[in-house]
Amino acid sequence: MLSGRMPRSVAVAIPCWNGRRWLDGCLEAVLAQTRRPDEVIVVDNGSTDGSAGHVRTRFPDVRVLELERNTGFAGAANAGLRASAAEAVALVNTDVRLAPDWLARTC
């Protein structure tokens, strides 16, 4: 929570390095939230497994930010934070499946 109040806009940023096998479950859970995020960004961290193309094809409403090389988790996370104009940004790992009310309870 920001300053004791609900943020007006919330984004979810997902750093991804060769995480295609987990992306469907993760993104399906993010997109099924009871409090839908205003923006979802997958930060492809130089993947070689087709993660970025898969997200673009399967989840056309998800923004894909492709980094030219693997910058490590912190580099990808920071790129996702910088890319969003939302008031609050939640970082989510590719290998998690969130409860449907996770975002509503988080902010």
Protein backbone atom coordinates (compact mmCIF):
# COMPACT_ATOMS: atom_id res chain seq x y z
CA MET A 1 0.00 0.00 0.00
CA LEU A 2 1.23 3.50 -0.77
CA SER A 3 0.85 6.09 2.00
CA GLY A 4 -2.06 4.14 3.50
CA ARG A 5 -4.20 4.35 0.37
CA MET A 6 -4.94 2.11 -2.58
CA PRO A 7 -2.83 2.84 -5.67
CA ARG A 8 -4.81 4.14 -8.63
CA SER A 9 -2.92 1.99 -11.11
CA VAL A 10 -1.11 -1.30 -10.63
CA ALA A 11 1.17 -3.18 -13.00
CA VAL A 12 2.66 -6.65 -12.81
CA ALA A 13 6.19 -7.09 -14.16
CA ILE A 14 7.48 -10.60 -14.80
CA PRO A 15 11.22 -11.01 -15.41
CA CYS A 16 11.73 -14.03 -17.65
CA TRP A 17 14.82 -15.91 -18.74
CA ASN A 18 14.04 -19.10 -20.66
CA GLY A 19 10.81 -19.49 -18.68
CA ARG A 20 8.45 -20.37 -21.51
CA ARG A 21 7.39 -23.63 -19.81
CA TRP A 22 6.00 -21.65 -16.85
CA LEU A 23 4.63 -18.56 -18.59
CA ASP A 24 1.17 -19.90 -19.47
CA GLY A 25 0.33 -20.79 -15.86
CA CYS A 26 1.79 -17.57 -14.50
CA LEU A 27 0.10 -15.27 -17.02
CA GLU A 28 -3.24 -17.07 -16.83
CA ALA A 29 -3.20 -16.54 -13.05
CA VAL A 30 -2.20 -12.86 -13.38
CA LEU A 31 -4.89 -12.18 -15.96
CA ALA A 32 -7.56 -13.95 -13.86
CA GLN A 33 -7.09 -11.70 -10.82
CA THR A 34 -10.22 -10.31 -9.19
CA ARG A 35 -8.45 -6.93 -9.21
CA ARG A 36 -7.03 -6.98 -12.72
CA PRO A 37 -3.70 -5.27 -13.18
CA ASP A 38 -3.78 -2.17 -15.35
CA GLU A 39 -0.69 -3.39 -17.16
CA VAL A 40 1.22 -6.67 -17.44
CA ILE A 41 4.81 -6.62 -18.67
CA VAL A 42 6.96 -9.66 -19.39
CA VAL A 43 10.62 -8.64 -19.43
CA ASP A 44 12.37 -11.17 -21.63
CA ASN A 45 15.93 -11.31 -20.36
CA GLY A 46 17.71 -12.58 -23.48
CA SER A 47 15.82 -15.89 -23.61
CA THR A 48 16.67 -18.48 -26.24
CA ASP A 49 13.53 -20.62 -25.77
CA GLY A 50 11.04 -18.46 -27.67
CA SER A 51 9.48 -16.93 -24.55
CA ALA A 52 8.92 -13.48 -26.06
CA GLY A 53 7.27 -14.76 -29.24
CA HIS A 54 5.13 -17.18 -27.28
CA VAL A 55 3.79 -14.40 -25.05
CA ARG A 56 3.08 -12.16 -28.04
CA THR A 57 1.13 -14.95 -29.76
CA ARG A 58 -0.70 -16.46 -26.77
CA PHE A 59 -1.23 -13.28 -24.69
CA PRO A 60 -1.53 -10.34 -27.11
CA ASP A 61 -2.62 -7.92 -24.35
CA VAL A 62 0.59 -8.49 -22.42
CA ARG A 63 3.42 -6.10 -23.15
CA VAL A 64 6.75 -7.76 -23.94
CA LEU A 65 9.96 -5.90 -23.26
CA GLU A 66 12.89 -7.72 -24.86
CA LEU A 67 16.36 -7.16 -23.48
CA GLU A 68 19.20 -7.89 -25.90
CA ARG A 69 21.10 -9.98 -23.38
CA ASN A 70 20.65 -11.57 -19.98
CA THR A 71 21.13 -8.78 -17.44
CA GLY A 72 20.39 -10.98 -14.42
CA PHE A 73 17.22 -10.93 -12.36
CA ALA A 74 17.87 -7.47 -10.90
CA GLY A 75 18.48 -5.96 -14.34
CA ALA A 76 15.28 -7.43 -15.75
CA ALA A 77 13.26 -6.47 -12.68
CA ASN A 78 14.52 -2.88 -12.84
CA ALA A 79 13.77 -2.71 -16.58
CA GLY A 80 10.19 -3.78 -15.84
CA LEU A 81 9.84 -1.20 -13.09
CA ARG A 82 11.18 1.56 -15.36
CA ALA A 83 8.92 0.52 -18.26
CA SER A 84 5.70 0.91 -16.33
CA ALA A 85 3.80 4.13 -15.78
CA ALA A 86 1.70 2.55 -13.01
CA GLU A 87 1.69 3.96 -9.51
CA ALA A 88 2.60 0.54 -8.07
CA VAL A 89 4.38 -2.39 -9.70
CA ALA A 90 4.39 -5.95 -8.41
CA LEU A 91 7.24 -8.23 -9.41
CA VAL A 92 6.24 -11.83 -10.06
CA ASN A 93 8.46 -14.79 -10.90
CA THR A 94 7.53 -16.90 -13.92
CA ASP A 95 7.20 -20.11 -11.92
CA VAL A 96 4.35 -19.03 -9.63
CA ARG A 97 0.60 -19.39 -9.91
CA LEU A 98 -1.19 -16.77 -7.90
CA ALA A 99 -4.46 -17.11 -6.00
CA PRO A 100 -7.24 -15.18 -7.81
CA ASP A 101 -7.42 -12.55 -5.05
CA TRP A 102 -3.66 -12.09 -4.65
CA LEU A 103 -3.47 -8.63 -6.24
CA ALA A 104 -6.59 -7.38 -4.44
CA ARG A 105 -5.10 -8.46 -1.10
CA THR A 106 -1.66 -7.06 -1.99
CA CYS A 107 -2.79 -3.53 -2.68
